[in-house]
N, C-alpha and C. Protein backbone atom coordinates (compact mmCIF):
# COMPACT_ATOMS: atom_id res chain seq x y z
N MET A 1 -2.52 25.49 -11.67
CA MET A 1 -2.91 24.18 -11.17
C MET A 1 -3.60 24.32 -9.83
N SER A 2 -4.65 23.61 -9.68
CA SER A 2 -5.41 23.64 -8.44
C SER A 2 -5.02 22.46 -7.57
N ASP A 3 -5.02 22.68 -6.23
CA ASP A 3 -4.75 21.59 -5.30
C ASP A 3 -6.02 20.83 -4.95
N GLU A 4 -7.12 21.20 -5.55
CA GLU A 4 -8.40 20.55 -5.28
C GLU A 4 -8.38 19.11 -5.77
N LYS A 5 -8.95 18.20 -4.97
CA LYS A 5 -9.01 16.79 -5.35
C LYS A 5 -9.96 16.62 -6.53
N PRO A 6 -9.70 15.60 -7.35
CA PRO A 6 -10.64 15.33 -8.45
C PRO A 6 -12.02 15.00 -7.92
N LYS A 7 -13.01 15.33 -8.66
CA LYS A 7 -14.38 15.09 -8.23
C LYS A 7 -14.83 13.66 -8.52
N LEU A 8 -14.12 12.99 -9.41
CA LEU A 8 -14.51 11.66 -9.83
C LEU A 8 -13.32 10.71 -9.71
N MET A 9 -13.60 9.50 -9.23
CA MET A 9 -12.56 8.48 -9.07
C MET A 9 -13.00 7.21 -9.78
N ASN A 10 -12.04 6.48 -10.33
CA ASN A 10 -12.29 5.15 -10.87
C ASN A 10 -11.80 4.17 -9.81
N MET A 11 -12.70 3.35 -9.27
CA MET A 11 -12.31 2.37 -8.26
C MET A 11 -12.21 1.02 -8.92
N VAL A 12 -11.16 0.28 -8.54
CA VAL A 12 -10.93 -1.07 -9.03
C VAL A 12 -10.83 -2.00 -7.83
N VAL A 13 -11.59 -3.09 -7.87
CA VAL A 13 -11.58 -4.10 -6.80
C VAL A 13 -11.35 -5.46 -7.45
N ILE A 14 -10.37 -6.19 -6.94
CA ILE A 14 -10.09 -7.54 -7.41
C ILE A 14 -10.28 -8.48 -6.24
N ALA A 15 -11.12 -9.49 -6.42
CA ALA A 15 -11.43 -10.42 -5.33
C ALA A 15 -11.81 -11.77 -5.92
N GLY A 16 -11.98 -12.75 -5.05
CA GLY A 16 -12.44 -14.06 -5.48
C GLY A 16 -13.89 -13.99 -5.91
N ARG A 17 -14.25 -14.82 -6.89
CA ARG A 17 -15.63 -14.82 -7.41
C ARG A 17 -16.65 -15.17 -6.34
N ASN A 18 -16.24 -15.93 -5.35
CA ASN A 18 -17.19 -16.33 -4.31
C ASN A 18 -17.67 -15.14 -3.49
N GLN A 19 -17.01 -14.00 -3.59
CA GLN A 19 -17.42 -12.80 -2.85
C GLN A 19 -18.21 -11.81 -3.69
N LYS A 20 -18.44 -12.14 -4.94
CA LYS A 20 -19.03 -11.20 -5.89
C LYS A 20 -20.32 -10.55 -5.39
N GLU A 21 -21.32 -11.34 -5.07
CA GLU A 21 -22.62 -10.78 -4.70
C GLU A 21 -22.54 -9.91 -3.46
N ALA A 22 -21.81 -10.37 -2.45
CA ALA A 22 -21.70 -9.61 -1.21
C ALA A 22 -20.98 -8.28 -1.43
N ILE A 23 -19.90 -8.30 -2.21
CA ILE A 23 -19.16 -7.06 -2.47
C ILE A 23 -20.01 -6.10 -3.30
N LEU A 24 -20.67 -6.60 -4.34
CA LEU A 24 -21.51 -5.72 -5.17
C LEU A 24 -22.63 -5.09 -4.35
N SER A 25 -23.26 -5.87 -3.49
CA SER A 25 -24.32 -5.35 -2.65
C SER A 25 -23.80 -4.27 -1.71
N ALA A 26 -22.67 -4.52 -1.08
CA ALA A 26 -22.09 -3.55 -0.15
C ALA A 26 -21.66 -2.28 -0.87
N MET A 27 -21.08 -2.42 -2.06
CA MET A 27 -20.66 -1.24 -2.82
C MET A 27 -21.87 -0.41 -3.25
N SER A 28 -22.94 -1.06 -3.65
CA SER A 28 -24.16 -0.34 -4.03
C SER A 28 -24.72 0.44 -2.85
N GLU A 29 -24.73 -0.18 -1.70
CA GLU A 29 -25.23 0.50 -0.50
C GLU A 29 -24.40 1.72 -0.13
N LYS A 30 -23.11 1.71 -0.49
CA LYS A 30 -22.21 2.82 -0.15
C LYS A 30 -22.15 3.89 -1.22
N GLY A 31 -22.92 3.75 -2.30
CA GLY A 31 -22.99 4.81 -3.28
C GLY A 31 -22.39 4.53 -4.64
N CYS A 32 -21.98 3.31 -4.92
CA CYS A 32 -21.50 2.95 -6.27
C CYS A 32 -22.72 2.57 -7.10
N HIS A 33 -22.95 3.30 -8.18
CA HIS A 33 -24.13 3.04 -8.97
C HIS A 33 -23.82 2.56 -10.39
N VAL A 34 -22.66 2.86 -10.92
CA VAL A 34 -22.28 2.39 -12.24
C VAL A 34 -21.14 1.40 -12.03
N ILE A 35 -21.49 0.13 -11.96
CA ILE A 35 -20.52 -0.91 -11.61
C ILE A 35 -20.38 -1.88 -12.79
N ASN A 36 -19.14 -2.18 -13.12
CA ASN A 36 -18.83 -3.17 -14.17
C ASN A 36 -18.12 -4.35 -13.51
N VAL A 37 -18.48 -5.56 -13.92
CA VAL A 37 -17.86 -6.76 -13.39
C VAL A 37 -17.25 -7.55 -14.55
N LEU A 38 -15.99 -7.88 -14.40
CA LEU A 38 -15.30 -8.71 -15.39
C LEU A 38 -14.83 -9.97 -14.68
N TYR A 39 -14.95 -11.08 -15.36
CA TYR A 39 -14.49 -12.35 -14.80
C TYR A 39 -13.11 -12.64 -15.35
N GLY A 40 -12.24 -13.12 -14.49
CA GLY A 40 -10.89 -13.39 -14.93
C GLY A 40 -10.38 -14.73 -14.46
N LYS A 41 -9.40 -15.18 -15.18
CA LYS A 41 -8.68 -16.39 -14.79
C LYS A 41 -7.22 -16.01 -14.81
N GLY A 42 -6.56 -16.19 -13.71
CA GLY A 42 -5.16 -15.80 -13.61
C GLY A 42 -4.32 -16.45 -14.69
N CYS A 43 -3.42 -15.66 -15.28
CA CYS A 43 -2.55 -16.21 -16.31
C CYS A 43 -1.08 -16.05 -15.95
N ALA A 44 -0.80 -15.31 -14.89
CA ALA A 44 0.59 -15.12 -14.48
C ALA A 44 1.06 -16.35 -13.72
N ASP A 45 2.35 -16.56 -13.75
CA ASP A 45 2.95 -17.64 -12.99
C ASP A 45 2.62 -17.44 -11.51
N ALA A 46 2.12 -18.47 -10.85
CA ALA A 46 1.69 -18.36 -9.46
C ALA A 46 2.81 -17.87 -8.57
N ASP A 47 4.04 -18.32 -8.79
CA ASP A 47 5.16 -17.87 -7.97
C ASP A 47 5.40 -16.38 -8.13
N PHE A 48 5.27 -15.87 -9.36
CA PHE A 48 5.44 -14.45 -9.60
C PHE A 48 4.37 -13.66 -8.84
N VAL A 49 3.11 -14.10 -8.94
CA VAL A 49 2.01 -13.41 -8.27
C VAL A 49 2.22 -13.42 -6.76
N MET A 50 2.58 -14.55 -6.23
CA MET A 50 2.80 -14.65 -4.78
C MET A 50 3.93 -13.74 -4.34
N ASP A 51 5.02 -13.73 -5.08
CA ASP A 51 6.16 -12.89 -4.72
C ASP A 51 5.85 -11.41 -4.87
N ALA A 52 5.19 -11.04 -5.96
CA ALA A 52 4.94 -9.63 -6.24
C ALA A 52 3.86 -9.02 -5.36
N LEU A 53 2.79 -9.77 -5.15
CA LEU A 53 1.63 -9.21 -4.44
C LEU A 53 1.32 -9.89 -3.12
N GLY A 54 2.02 -10.95 -2.80
CA GLY A 54 1.73 -11.66 -1.57
C GLY A 54 0.40 -12.40 -1.62
N LEU A 55 0.00 -12.85 -2.81
CA LEU A 55 -1.28 -13.53 -2.98
C LEU A 55 -1.08 -15.01 -3.22
N VAL A 56 -2.08 -15.79 -2.88
CA VAL A 56 -2.09 -17.21 -3.20
C VAL A 56 -2.76 -17.37 -4.56
N HIS A 57 -2.23 -18.26 -5.39
CA HIS A 57 -2.78 -18.47 -6.73
C HIS A 57 -4.23 -18.95 -6.66
N GLU A 58 -5.10 -18.23 -7.31
CA GLU A 58 -6.51 -18.60 -7.41
C GLU A 58 -6.97 -18.19 -8.79
N GLU A 59 -7.54 -19.11 -9.53
CA GLU A 59 -7.90 -18.83 -10.91
C GLU A 59 -9.16 -18.00 -11.06
N ASN A 60 -10.14 -18.18 -10.23
CA ASN A 60 -11.44 -17.53 -10.41
C ASN A 60 -11.51 -16.21 -9.67
N LYS A 61 -11.33 -15.15 -10.40
CA LYS A 61 -11.33 -13.80 -9.85
C LYS A 61 -12.41 -12.96 -10.50
N ILE A 62 -12.78 -11.91 -9.81
CA ILE A 62 -13.62 -10.88 -10.41
C ILE A 62 -12.85 -9.57 -10.35
N LEU A 63 -13.07 -8.76 -11.35
CA LEU A 63 -12.52 -7.42 -11.40
C LEU A 63 -13.72 -6.49 -11.47
N ILE A 64 -13.89 -5.70 -10.44
CA ILE A 64 -15.03 -4.78 -10.36
C ILE A 64 -14.49 -3.37 -10.56
N THR A 65 -15.11 -2.62 -11.46
CA THR A 65 -14.76 -1.22 -11.63
C THR A 65 -16.01 -0.38 -11.46
N CYS A 66 -15.83 0.83 -10.96
CA CYS A 66 -16.95 1.75 -10.85
C CYS A 66 -16.42 3.17 -10.77
N LEU A 67 -17.27 4.11 -11.15
CA LEU A 67 -16.97 5.52 -10.99
C LEU A 67 -17.67 6.02 -9.74
N ILE A 68 -16.91 6.70 -8.89
CA ILE A 68 -17.47 7.21 -7.65
C ILE A 68 -17.00 8.64 -7.42
N LEU A 69 -17.72 9.36 -6.60
CA LEU A 69 -17.27 10.68 -6.18
C LEU A 69 -16.13 10.51 -5.18
N ASN A 70 -15.20 11.45 -5.20
CA ASN A 70 -14.01 11.29 -4.36
C ASN A 70 -14.34 11.20 -2.87
N ASN A 71 -15.45 11.78 -2.43
CA ASN A 71 -15.78 11.71 -1.00
C ASN A 71 -16.31 10.33 -0.59
N LYS A 72 -16.61 9.46 -1.55
CA LYS A 72 -17.07 8.10 -1.25
C LYS A 72 -15.91 7.10 -1.22
N ALA A 73 -14.77 7.45 -1.80
CA ALA A 73 -13.66 6.51 -1.95
C ALA A 73 -13.19 5.96 -0.61
N GLU A 74 -12.92 6.81 0.33
CA GLU A 74 -12.42 6.36 1.63
C GLU A 74 -13.45 5.50 2.36
N VAL A 75 -14.72 5.87 2.25
CA VAL A 75 -15.79 5.10 2.88
C VAL A 75 -15.83 3.68 2.33
N ILE A 76 -15.72 3.54 1.02
CA ILE A 76 -15.80 2.23 0.38
C ILE A 76 -14.54 1.41 0.69
N LEU A 77 -13.38 2.04 0.64
CA LEU A 77 -12.15 1.31 0.97
C LEU A 77 -12.17 0.84 2.42
N ASP A 78 -12.64 1.68 3.33
CA ASP A 78 -12.78 1.27 4.74
C ASP A 78 -13.76 0.11 4.89
N MET A 79 -14.85 0.13 4.13
CA MET A 79 -15.83 -0.95 4.18
C MET A 79 -15.22 -2.27 3.70
N LEU A 80 -14.39 -2.21 2.66
CA LEU A 80 -13.74 -3.42 2.16
C LEU A 80 -12.80 -4.02 3.21
N VAL A 81 -12.20 -3.17 4.02
CA VAL A 81 -11.35 -3.66 5.11
C VAL A 81 -12.19 -4.23 6.24
N SER A 82 -13.19 -3.49 6.67
CA SER A 82 -13.97 -3.91 7.84
C SER A 82 -14.90 -5.09 7.56
N GLU A 83 -15.53 -5.13 6.39
CA GLU A 83 -16.49 -6.19 6.09
C GLU A 83 -15.89 -7.38 5.34
N PHE A 84 -14.84 -7.15 4.56
CA PHE A 84 -14.29 -8.21 3.72
C PHE A 84 -12.82 -8.50 4.02
N GLU A 85 -12.29 -7.87 5.03
CA GLU A 85 -10.92 -8.10 5.52
C GLU A 85 -9.86 -7.96 4.43
N PHE A 86 -10.00 -6.93 3.60
CA PHE A 86 -9.01 -6.69 2.55
C PHE A 86 -7.64 -6.35 3.10
N ASN A 87 -7.54 -6.07 4.39
CA ASN A 87 -6.25 -5.78 5.01
C ASN A 87 -5.47 -7.05 5.33
N LYS A 88 -6.10 -8.21 5.14
CA LYS A 88 -5.44 -9.50 5.39
C LYS A 88 -4.97 -10.10 4.07
N PRO A 89 -3.88 -10.90 4.12
CA PRO A 89 -3.38 -11.51 2.88
C PRO A 89 -4.42 -12.41 2.21
N ASN A 90 -4.36 -12.43 0.89
CA ASN A 90 -5.17 -13.34 0.07
C ASN A 90 -6.67 -13.08 0.12
N THR A 91 -7.07 -11.85 0.35
CA THR A 91 -8.50 -11.54 0.39
C THR A 91 -8.93 -10.70 -0.80
N GLY A 92 -8.17 -9.70 -1.16
CA GLY A 92 -8.53 -8.85 -2.29
C GLY A 92 -7.62 -7.64 -2.38
N VAL A 93 -7.76 -6.94 -3.49
CA VAL A 93 -6.99 -5.73 -3.76
C VAL A 93 -7.99 -4.67 -4.21
N ALA A 94 -7.83 -3.46 -3.71
CA ALA A 94 -8.69 -2.35 -4.14
C ALA A 94 -7.86 -1.08 -4.22
N TYR A 95 -8.15 -0.26 -5.24
CA TYR A 95 -7.45 1.01 -5.38
C TYR A 95 -8.31 1.97 -6.19
N THR A 96 -7.95 3.24 -6.12
CA THR A 96 -8.67 4.26 -6.88
C THR A 96 -7.69 5.01 -7.78
N ILE A 97 -8.23 5.53 -8.87
CA ILE A 97 -7.46 6.34 -9.81
C ILE A 97 -8.27 7.61 -10.07
N PRO A 98 -7.67 8.77 -9.93
CA PRO A 98 -8.43 10.00 -10.23
C PRO A 98 -8.80 10.10 -11.71
N VAL A 99 -10.00 10.55 -11.97
CA VAL A 99 -10.47 10.79 -13.33
C VAL A 99 -10.42 12.30 -13.56
N GLU A 100 -9.50 12.71 -14.40
CA GLU A 100 -9.31 14.14 -14.64
C GLU A 100 -10.34 14.69 -15.63
N LYS A 101 -10.63 13.91 -16.66
CA LYS A 101 -11.57 14.36 -17.68
C LYS A 101 -12.42 13.17 -18.10
N LEU A 102 -13.67 13.44 -18.44
CA LEU A 102 -14.57 12.40 -18.88
C LEU A 102 -15.36 12.94 -20.06
N LEU A 103 -15.32 12.22 -21.16
CA LEU A 103 -16.07 12.59 -22.35
C LEU A 103 -17.22 11.61 -22.53
N TYR A 104 -18.37 12.12 -22.85
CA TYR A 104 -19.53 11.24 -23.09
C TYR A 104 -20.47 11.89 -24.08
């Protein structure tokens, strides 16, 4: 087993739809080129969501996914904090998942 970081990451960003264009533009500028956008409407009980994630119930969400190189992940996460205040409650959630293998 190698201690080397994966070369590819799957990034997931969940935010309000009103931020869609600004977030997509900023992510593109930072090196995200294969971006998927899904529109969602919350279906969980608002009290459960608030308790579990500290979020306020909002029905209109976007789920953005993209594949990025691991050296871009920290840059993009930092940008989401500095430009979109993801470090504050009720703004958004972002995380990465290592991609070990990719078939195409």
